[in-house]
Amino acid sequence: MPLDLFAGIPVTDYAAALAWYERLLGSPPAFLPNDTEAVWELAEHRYVYIEHRPEQAGNAMHTVLVDDLDTRVAEIADRGLRPTSRETYPEGMRKITFHDPDGNEFGFGGVSQ
């Protein structure tokens, strides 16, 4: 059975969030299902989406593990976003966290190199 993942992020200002996530993820959305949602495909059958839901905004927490964390963070910095925190765990894992304008947390993790 195939497995699909849709991870949602509620936002207050759809237009501002759309621009911010385009910079974070490095591309426009893969598709726009309606006027209040935008969807990015991170990997086959694995999606993250924003949706205009002001009453729930600011509470999402997502972490995506990537092969080359330093390259990913440098590319995001080139697009004008800076992390809000950096963590290193004893077993060699690192997590770099960004917060969108609503305070939703989106992190990238990977092994120290």
N, C-alpha and C. Protein backbone atom coordinates (compact mmCIF):
# COMPACT_ATOMS: atom_id res chain seq x y z
N MET A 1 0.84 -1.17 0.00
CA MET A 1 0.00 0.00 0.00
C MET A 1 0.89 1.24 0.00
N PRO A 2 0.70 2.14 -0.97
CA PRO A 2 1.50 3.37 -0.97
C PRO A 2 1.15 4.25 0.21
N LEU A 3 2.13 5.03 0.63
CA LEU A 3 1.96 5.93 1.77
C LEU A 3 2.18 7.36 1.29
N ASP A 4 1.17 8.20 1.49
CA ASP A 4 1.28 9.62 1.18
C ASP A 4 1.22 10.39 2.50
N LEU A 5 1.94 11.49 2.55
CA LEU A 5 1.92 12.34 3.74
C LEU A 5 1.61 13.76 3.31
N PHE A 6 0.62 14.38 3.96
CA PHE A 6 0.30 15.79 3.80
C PHE A 6 0.41 16.42 5.17
N ALA A 7 1.43 17.27 5.38
CA ALA A 7 1.64 17.94 6.66
C ALA A 7 1.20 19.39 6.52
N GLY A 8 0.21 19.80 7.31
CA GLY A 8 -0.38 21.11 7.16
C GLY A 8 0.16 22.15 8.12
N ILE A 9 0.18 23.40 7.66
CA ILE A 9 0.64 24.53 8.44
C ILE A 9 -0.41 25.64 8.34
N PRO A 10 -1.11 25.94 9.45
CA PRO A 10 -2.10 27.00 9.42
C PRO A 10 -1.44 28.38 9.48
N VAL A 11 -1.94 29.31 8.68
CA VAL A 11 -1.36 30.66 8.60
C VAL A 11 -2.45 31.72 8.67
N THR A 12 -2.06 32.92 9.09
CA THR A 12 -3.03 34.03 9.16
C THR A 12 -3.06 34.83 7.86
N ASP A 13 -1.92 35.08 7.28
CA ASP A 13 -1.83 35.88 6.05
C ASP A 13 -1.32 34.97 4.94
N TYR A 14 -2.24 34.50 4.12
CA TYR A 14 -1.90 33.52 3.08
C TYR A 14 -0.82 34.04 2.12
N ALA A 15 -0.97 35.27 1.65
CA ALA A 15 -0.02 35.82 0.68
C ALA A 15 1.38 35.93 1.28
N ALA A 16 1.48 36.42 2.51
CA ALA A 16 2.79 36.55 3.16
C ALA A 16 3.40 35.17 3.41
N ALA A 17 2.59 34.22 3.84
CA ALA A 17 3.08 32.87 4.09
C ALA A 17 3.53 32.20 2.79
N LEU A 18 2.78 32.40 1.73
CA LEU A 18 3.14 31.83 0.43
C LEU A 18 4.53 32.30 0.02
N ALA A 19 4.78 33.59 0.11
CA ALA A 19 6.10 34.13 -0.26
C ALA A 19 7.19 33.59 0.66
N TRP A 20 6.91 33.50 1.96
CA TRP A 20 7.91 33.01 2.92
C TRP A 20 8.26 31.55 2.65
N TYR A 21 7.27 30.71 2.44
CA TYR A 21 7.53 29.28 2.20
C TYR A 21 8.17 29.04 0.83
N GLU A 22 7.90 29.89 -0.13
CA GLU A 22 8.61 29.78 -1.41
C GLU A 22 10.10 30.01 -1.19
N ARG A 23 10.45 30.98 -0.34
CA ARG A 23 11.86 31.23 -0.03
C ARG A 23 12.44 30.08 0.78
N LEU A 24 11.71 29.61 1.78
CA LEU A 24 12.21 28.51 2.61
C LEU A 24 12.44 27.25 1.78
N LEU A 25 11.48 26.90 0.94
CA LEU A 25 11.54 25.63 0.22
C LEU A 25 12.19 25.75 -1.16
N GLY A 26 12.43 26.97 -1.61
CA GLY A 26 13.19 27.18 -2.83
C GLY A 26 12.42 27.02 -4.13
N SER A 27 11.10 27.02 -4.06
CA SER A 27 10.31 26.88 -5.28
C SER A 27 8.87 27.32 -5.03
N PRO A 28 8.16 27.60 -6.12
CA PRO A 28 6.74 27.84 -5.96
C PRO A 28 6.04 26.52 -5.59
N PRO A 29 4.80 26.58 -5.14
CA PRO A 29 4.09 25.35 -4.80
C PRO A 29 3.96 24.41 -5.99
N ALA A 30 3.86 23.12 -5.69
CA ALA A 30 3.63 22.12 -6.74
C ALA A 30 2.22 22.27 -7.29
N PHE A 31 1.28 22.63 -6.41
CA PHE A 31 -0.07 22.89 -6.88
C PHE A 31 -0.84 23.72 -5.84
N LEU A 32 -1.90 24.34 -6.33
CA LEU A 32 -2.77 25.19 -5.52
C LEU A 32 -4.18 24.59 -5.58
N PRO A 33 -4.59 23.85 -4.58
CA PRO A 33 -5.90 23.20 -4.65
C PRO A 33 -7.09 24.16 -4.61
N ASN A 34 -6.89 25.33 -4.03
CA ASN A 34 -7.94 26.35 -3.96
C ASN A 34 -7.29 27.69 -3.62
N ASP A 35 -8.10 28.70 -3.32
CA ASP A 35 -7.58 30.05 -3.06
C ASP A 35 -6.93 30.22 -1.69
N THR A 36 -7.01 29.22 -0.82
CA THR A 36 -6.49 29.37 0.54
C THR A 36 -5.45 28.32 0.90
N GLU A 37 -5.00 27.52 -0.08
CA GLU A 37 -4.01 26.48 0.19
C GLU A 37 -2.93 26.48 -0.89
N ALA A 38 -1.71 26.13 -0.47
CA ALA A 38 -0.59 25.93 -1.39
C ALA A 38 0.16 24.69 -0.93
N VAL A 39 0.55 23.83 -1.88
CA VAL A 39 1.15 22.53 -1.55
C VAL A 39 2.49 22.38 -2.25
N TRP A 40 3.52 21.98 -1.45
CA TRP A 40 4.84 21.67 -1.99
C TRP A 40 5.09 20.18 -1.82
N GLU A 41 5.67 19.56 -2.85
CA GLU A 41 6.06 18.15 -2.75
C GLU A 41 7.53 18.11 -2.36
N LEU A 42 7.83 17.62 -1.16
CA LEU A 42 9.21 17.56 -0.68
C LEU A 42 9.93 16.33 -1.22
N ALA A 43 9.21 15.26 -1.39
CA ALA A 43 9.71 14.00 -1.97
C ALA A 43 8.48 13.28 -2.50
N GLU A 44 8.69 12.23 -3.23
CA GLU A 44 7.56 11.52 -3.81
C GLU A 44 6.54 11.14 -2.73
N HIS A 45 5.32 11.61 -2.93
CA HIS A 45 4.20 11.31 -2.02
C HIS A 45 4.36 11.91 -0.63
N ARG A 46 5.21 12.93 -0.49
CA ARG A 46 5.40 13.60 0.80
C ARG A 46 5.28 15.10 0.58
N TYR A 47 4.22 15.66 1.14
CA TYR A 47 3.86 17.05 0.88
C TYR A 47 3.77 17.85 2.17
N VAL A 48 4.02 19.14 2.03
CA VAL A 48 3.75 20.10 3.10
C VAL A 48 2.87 21.18 2.47
N TYR A 49 1.90 21.64 3.25
CA TYR A 49 1.02 22.66 2.69
C TYR A 49 0.70 23.73 3.73
N ILE A 50 0.45 24.93 3.22
CA ILE A 50 -0.04 26.02 4.06
C ILE A 50 -1.52 26.18 3.76
N GLU A 51 -2.25 26.60 4.78
CA GLU A 51 -3.68 26.86 4.60
C GLU A 51 -4.08 28.04 5.47
N HIS A 52 -4.88 28.93 4.90
CA HIS A 52 -5.37 30.08 5.65
C HIS A 52 -6.35 29.59 6.71
N ARG A 53 -5.87 29.57 7.96
CA ARG A 53 -6.65 29.18 9.13
C ARG A 53 -6.17 30.03 10.31
N PRO A 54 -6.54 31.29 10.33
CA PRO A 54 -6.02 32.22 11.33
C PRO A 54 -6.19 31.77 12.78
N GLU A 55 -7.29 31.10 13.07
CA GLU A 55 -7.56 30.69 14.45
C GLU A 55 -6.60 29.60 14.94
N GLN A 56 -5.90 28.94 14.04
CA GLN A 56 -4.97 27.87 14.42
C GLN A 56 -3.51 28.21 14.13
N ALA A 57 -3.25 29.34 13.53
CA ALA A 57 -1.91 29.70 13.09
C ALA A 57 -0.93 29.79 14.25
N GLY A 58 0.31 29.42 13.96
CA GLY A 58 1.39 29.56 14.93
C GLY A 58 1.68 28.33 15.76
N ASN A 59 0.98 27.24 15.53
CA ASN A 59 1.14 26.06 16.37
C ASN A 59 1.76 24.85 15.66
N ALA A 60 2.11 24.97 14.39
CA ALA A 60 2.67 23.84 13.66
C ALA A 60 4.14 23.63 14.01
N MET A 61 4.55 22.39 14.00
CA MET A 61 5.96 22.02 14.24
C MET A 61 6.31 20.87 13.30
N HIS A 62 7.22 21.14 12.36
CA HIS A 62 7.64 20.11 11.40
C HIS A 62 9.16 20.10 11.32
N THR A 63 9.72 18.90 11.18
CA THR A 63 11.16 18.75 10.94
C THR A 63 11.34 17.79 9.78
N VAL A 64 12.15 18.18 8.82
CA VAL A 64 12.46 17.35 7.66
C VAL A 64 13.93 16.98 7.74
N LEU A 65 14.24 15.70 7.64
CA LEU A 65 15.64 15.25 7.64
C LEU A 65 16.16 15.28 6.21
N VAL A 66 17.35 15.86 6.04
CA VAL A 66 17.95 16.01 4.72
C VAL A 66 19.37 15.43 4.73
N ASP A 67 19.87 15.08 3.54
CA ASP A 67 21.21 14.49 3.44
C ASP A 67 22.32 15.50 3.69
N ASP A 68 22.19 16.72 3.17
CA ASP A 68 23.25 17.72 3.32
C ASP A 68 22.68 18.97 3.97
N LEU A 69 22.64 18.95 5.28
CA LEU A 69 22.03 20.03 6.06
C LEU A 69 22.71 21.37 5.79
N ASP A 70 24.04 21.39 5.76
CA ASP A 70 24.75 22.66 5.57
C ASP A 70 24.41 23.30 4.23
N THR A 71 24.34 22.50 3.18
CA THR A 71 23.99 23.02 1.86
C THR A 71 22.58 23.57 1.87
N ARG A 72 21.65 22.83 2.46
CA ARG A 72 20.25 23.27 2.51
C ARG A 72 20.14 24.61 3.24
N VAL A 73 20.78 24.75 4.38
CA VAL A 73 20.69 25.98 5.17
C VAL A 73 21.36 27.14 4.42
N ALA A 74 22.46 26.88 3.74
CA ALA A 74 23.13 27.93 2.96
C ALA A 74 22.23 28.40 1.81
N GLU A 75 21.54 27.48 1.15
CA GLU A 75 20.63 27.86 0.06
C GLU A 75 19.48 28.71 0.59
N ILE A 76 18.96 28.34 1.75
CA ILE A 76 17.87 29.12 2.35
C ILE A 76 18.37 30.52 2.72
N ALA A 77 19.59 30.60 3.27
CA ALA A 77 20.18 31.90 3.61
C ALA A 77 20.34 32.77 2.37
N ASP A 78 20.73 32.15 1.24
CA ASP A 78 20.86 32.89 -0.02
C ASP A 78 19.52 33.48 -0.47
N ARG A 79 18.43 32.87 -0.01
CA ARG A 79 17.10 33.38 -0.36
C ARG A 79 16.57 34.35 0.71
N GLY A 80 17.41 34.70 1.68
CA GLY A 80 17.08 35.75 2.62
C GLY A 80 16.47 35.35 3.95
N LEU A 81 16.43 34.06 4.26
CA LEU A 81 15.89 33.63 5.55
C LEU A 81 17.02 33.17 6.46
N ARG A 82 16.87 33.48 7.74
CA ARG A 82 17.86 33.09 8.74
C ARG A 82 17.21 32.18 9.77
N PRO A 83 17.93 31.17 10.24
CA PRO A 83 17.36 30.29 11.27
C PRO A 83 17.15 31.03 12.58
N THR A 84 16.18 30.57 13.34
CA THR A 84 15.92 31.13 14.66
C THR A 84 16.62 30.33 15.75
N SER A 85 17.01 29.09 15.44
CA SER A 85 17.78 28.31 16.41
C SER A 85 18.57 27.22 15.70
N ARG A 86 19.63 26.80 16.39
CA ARG A 86 20.49 25.71 15.92
C ARG A 86 20.75 24.81 17.11
N GLU A 87 20.54 23.52 16.93
CA GLU A 87 20.76 22.56 18.01
C GLU A 87 21.68 21.45 17.52
N THR A 88 22.54 20.98 18.41
CA THR A 88 23.37 19.81 18.13
C THR A 88 23.13 18.81 19.24
N TYR A 89 22.83 17.59 18.85
CA TYR A 89 22.54 16.54 19.81
C TYR A 89 23.77 15.65 19.98
N PRO A 90 23.92 15.00 21.13
CA PRO A 90 25.12 14.20 21.42
C PRO A 90 25.43 13.13 20.37
N GLU A 91 24.42 12.55 19.77
CA GLU A 91 24.66 11.48 18.81
C GLU A 91 25.05 11.97 17.41
N GLY A 92 25.31 13.27 17.27
CA GLY A 92 25.79 13.81 16.00
C GLY A 92 24.71 14.43 15.12
N MET A 93 23.47 14.35 15.53
CA MET A 93 22.41 14.98 14.75
C MET A 93 22.36 16.47 15.06
N ARG A 94 21.96 17.23 14.04
CA ARG A 94 21.76 18.67 14.21
C ARG A 94 20.37 19.03 13.71
N LYS A 95 19.83 20.11 14.25
CA LYS A 95 18.55 20.63 13.79
C LYS A 95 18.66 22.14 13.67
N ILE A 96 18.26 22.63 12.51
CA ILE A 96 18.24 24.06 12.23
C ILE A 96 16.77 24.44 12.07
N THR A 97 16.32 25.40 12.88
CA THR A 97 14.90 25.73 12.91
C THR A 97 14.64 27.14 12.40
N PHE A 98 13.59 27.25 11.61
CA PHE A 98 13.10 28.52 11.10
C PHE A 98 11.69 28.71 11.65
N HIS A 99 11.26 29.96 11.82
CA HIS A 99 9.89 30.26 12.22
C HIS A 99 9.28 31.20 11.19
N ASP A 100 8.10 30.83 10.72
CA ASP A 100 7.42 31.68 9.74
C ASP A 100 6.82 32.91 10.43
N PRO A 101 6.22 33.83 9.69
CA PRO A 101 5.69 35.04 10.30
C PRO A 101 4.65 34.80 11.40
N ASP A 102 3.99 33.64 11.40
CA ASP A 102 3.01 33.31 12.43
C ASP A 102 3.63 32.61 13.64
N GLY A 103 4.90 32.22 13.54
CA GLY A 103 5.55 31.49 14.61
C GLY A 103 5.55 29.99 14.42
N ASN A 104 5.00 29.50 13.30
CA ASN A 104 5.07 28.07 13.01
C ASN A 104 6.53 27.66 12.86
N GLU A 105 6.87 26.51 13.40
CA GLU A 105 8.25 26.02 13.38
C GLU A 105 8.45 25.05 12.21
N PHE A 106 9.49 25.31 11.42
CA PHE A 106 9.86 24.41 10.34
C PHE A 106 11.36 24.18 10.45
N GLY A 107 11.75 22.96 10.77
CA GLY A 107 13.15 22.64 10.96
C GLY A 107 13.68 21.68 9.92
N PHE A 108 15.00 21.71 9.76
CA PHE A 108 15.71 20.75 8.93
C PHE A 108 16.75 20.08 9.82
N GLY A 109 16.83 18.77 9.72
CA GLY A 109 17.79 18.03 10.54
C GLY A 109 18.69 17.19 9.67
N GLY A 110 19.84 16.85 10.24
CA GLY A 110 20.78 16.00 9.53
C GLY A 110 21.96 15.65 10.42
N VAL A 111 22.78 14.75 9.94
CA VAL A 111 23.95 14.30 10.67
C VAL A 111 25.06 15.32 10.48
N SER A 112 25.80 15.60 11.54
CA SER A 112 26.96 16.49 11.45
C SER A 112 27.99 15.91 10.51
N GLN A 113 28.61 16.80 9.71
CA GLN A 113 29.62 16.31 8.76
C GLN A 113 30.95 16.97 8.99
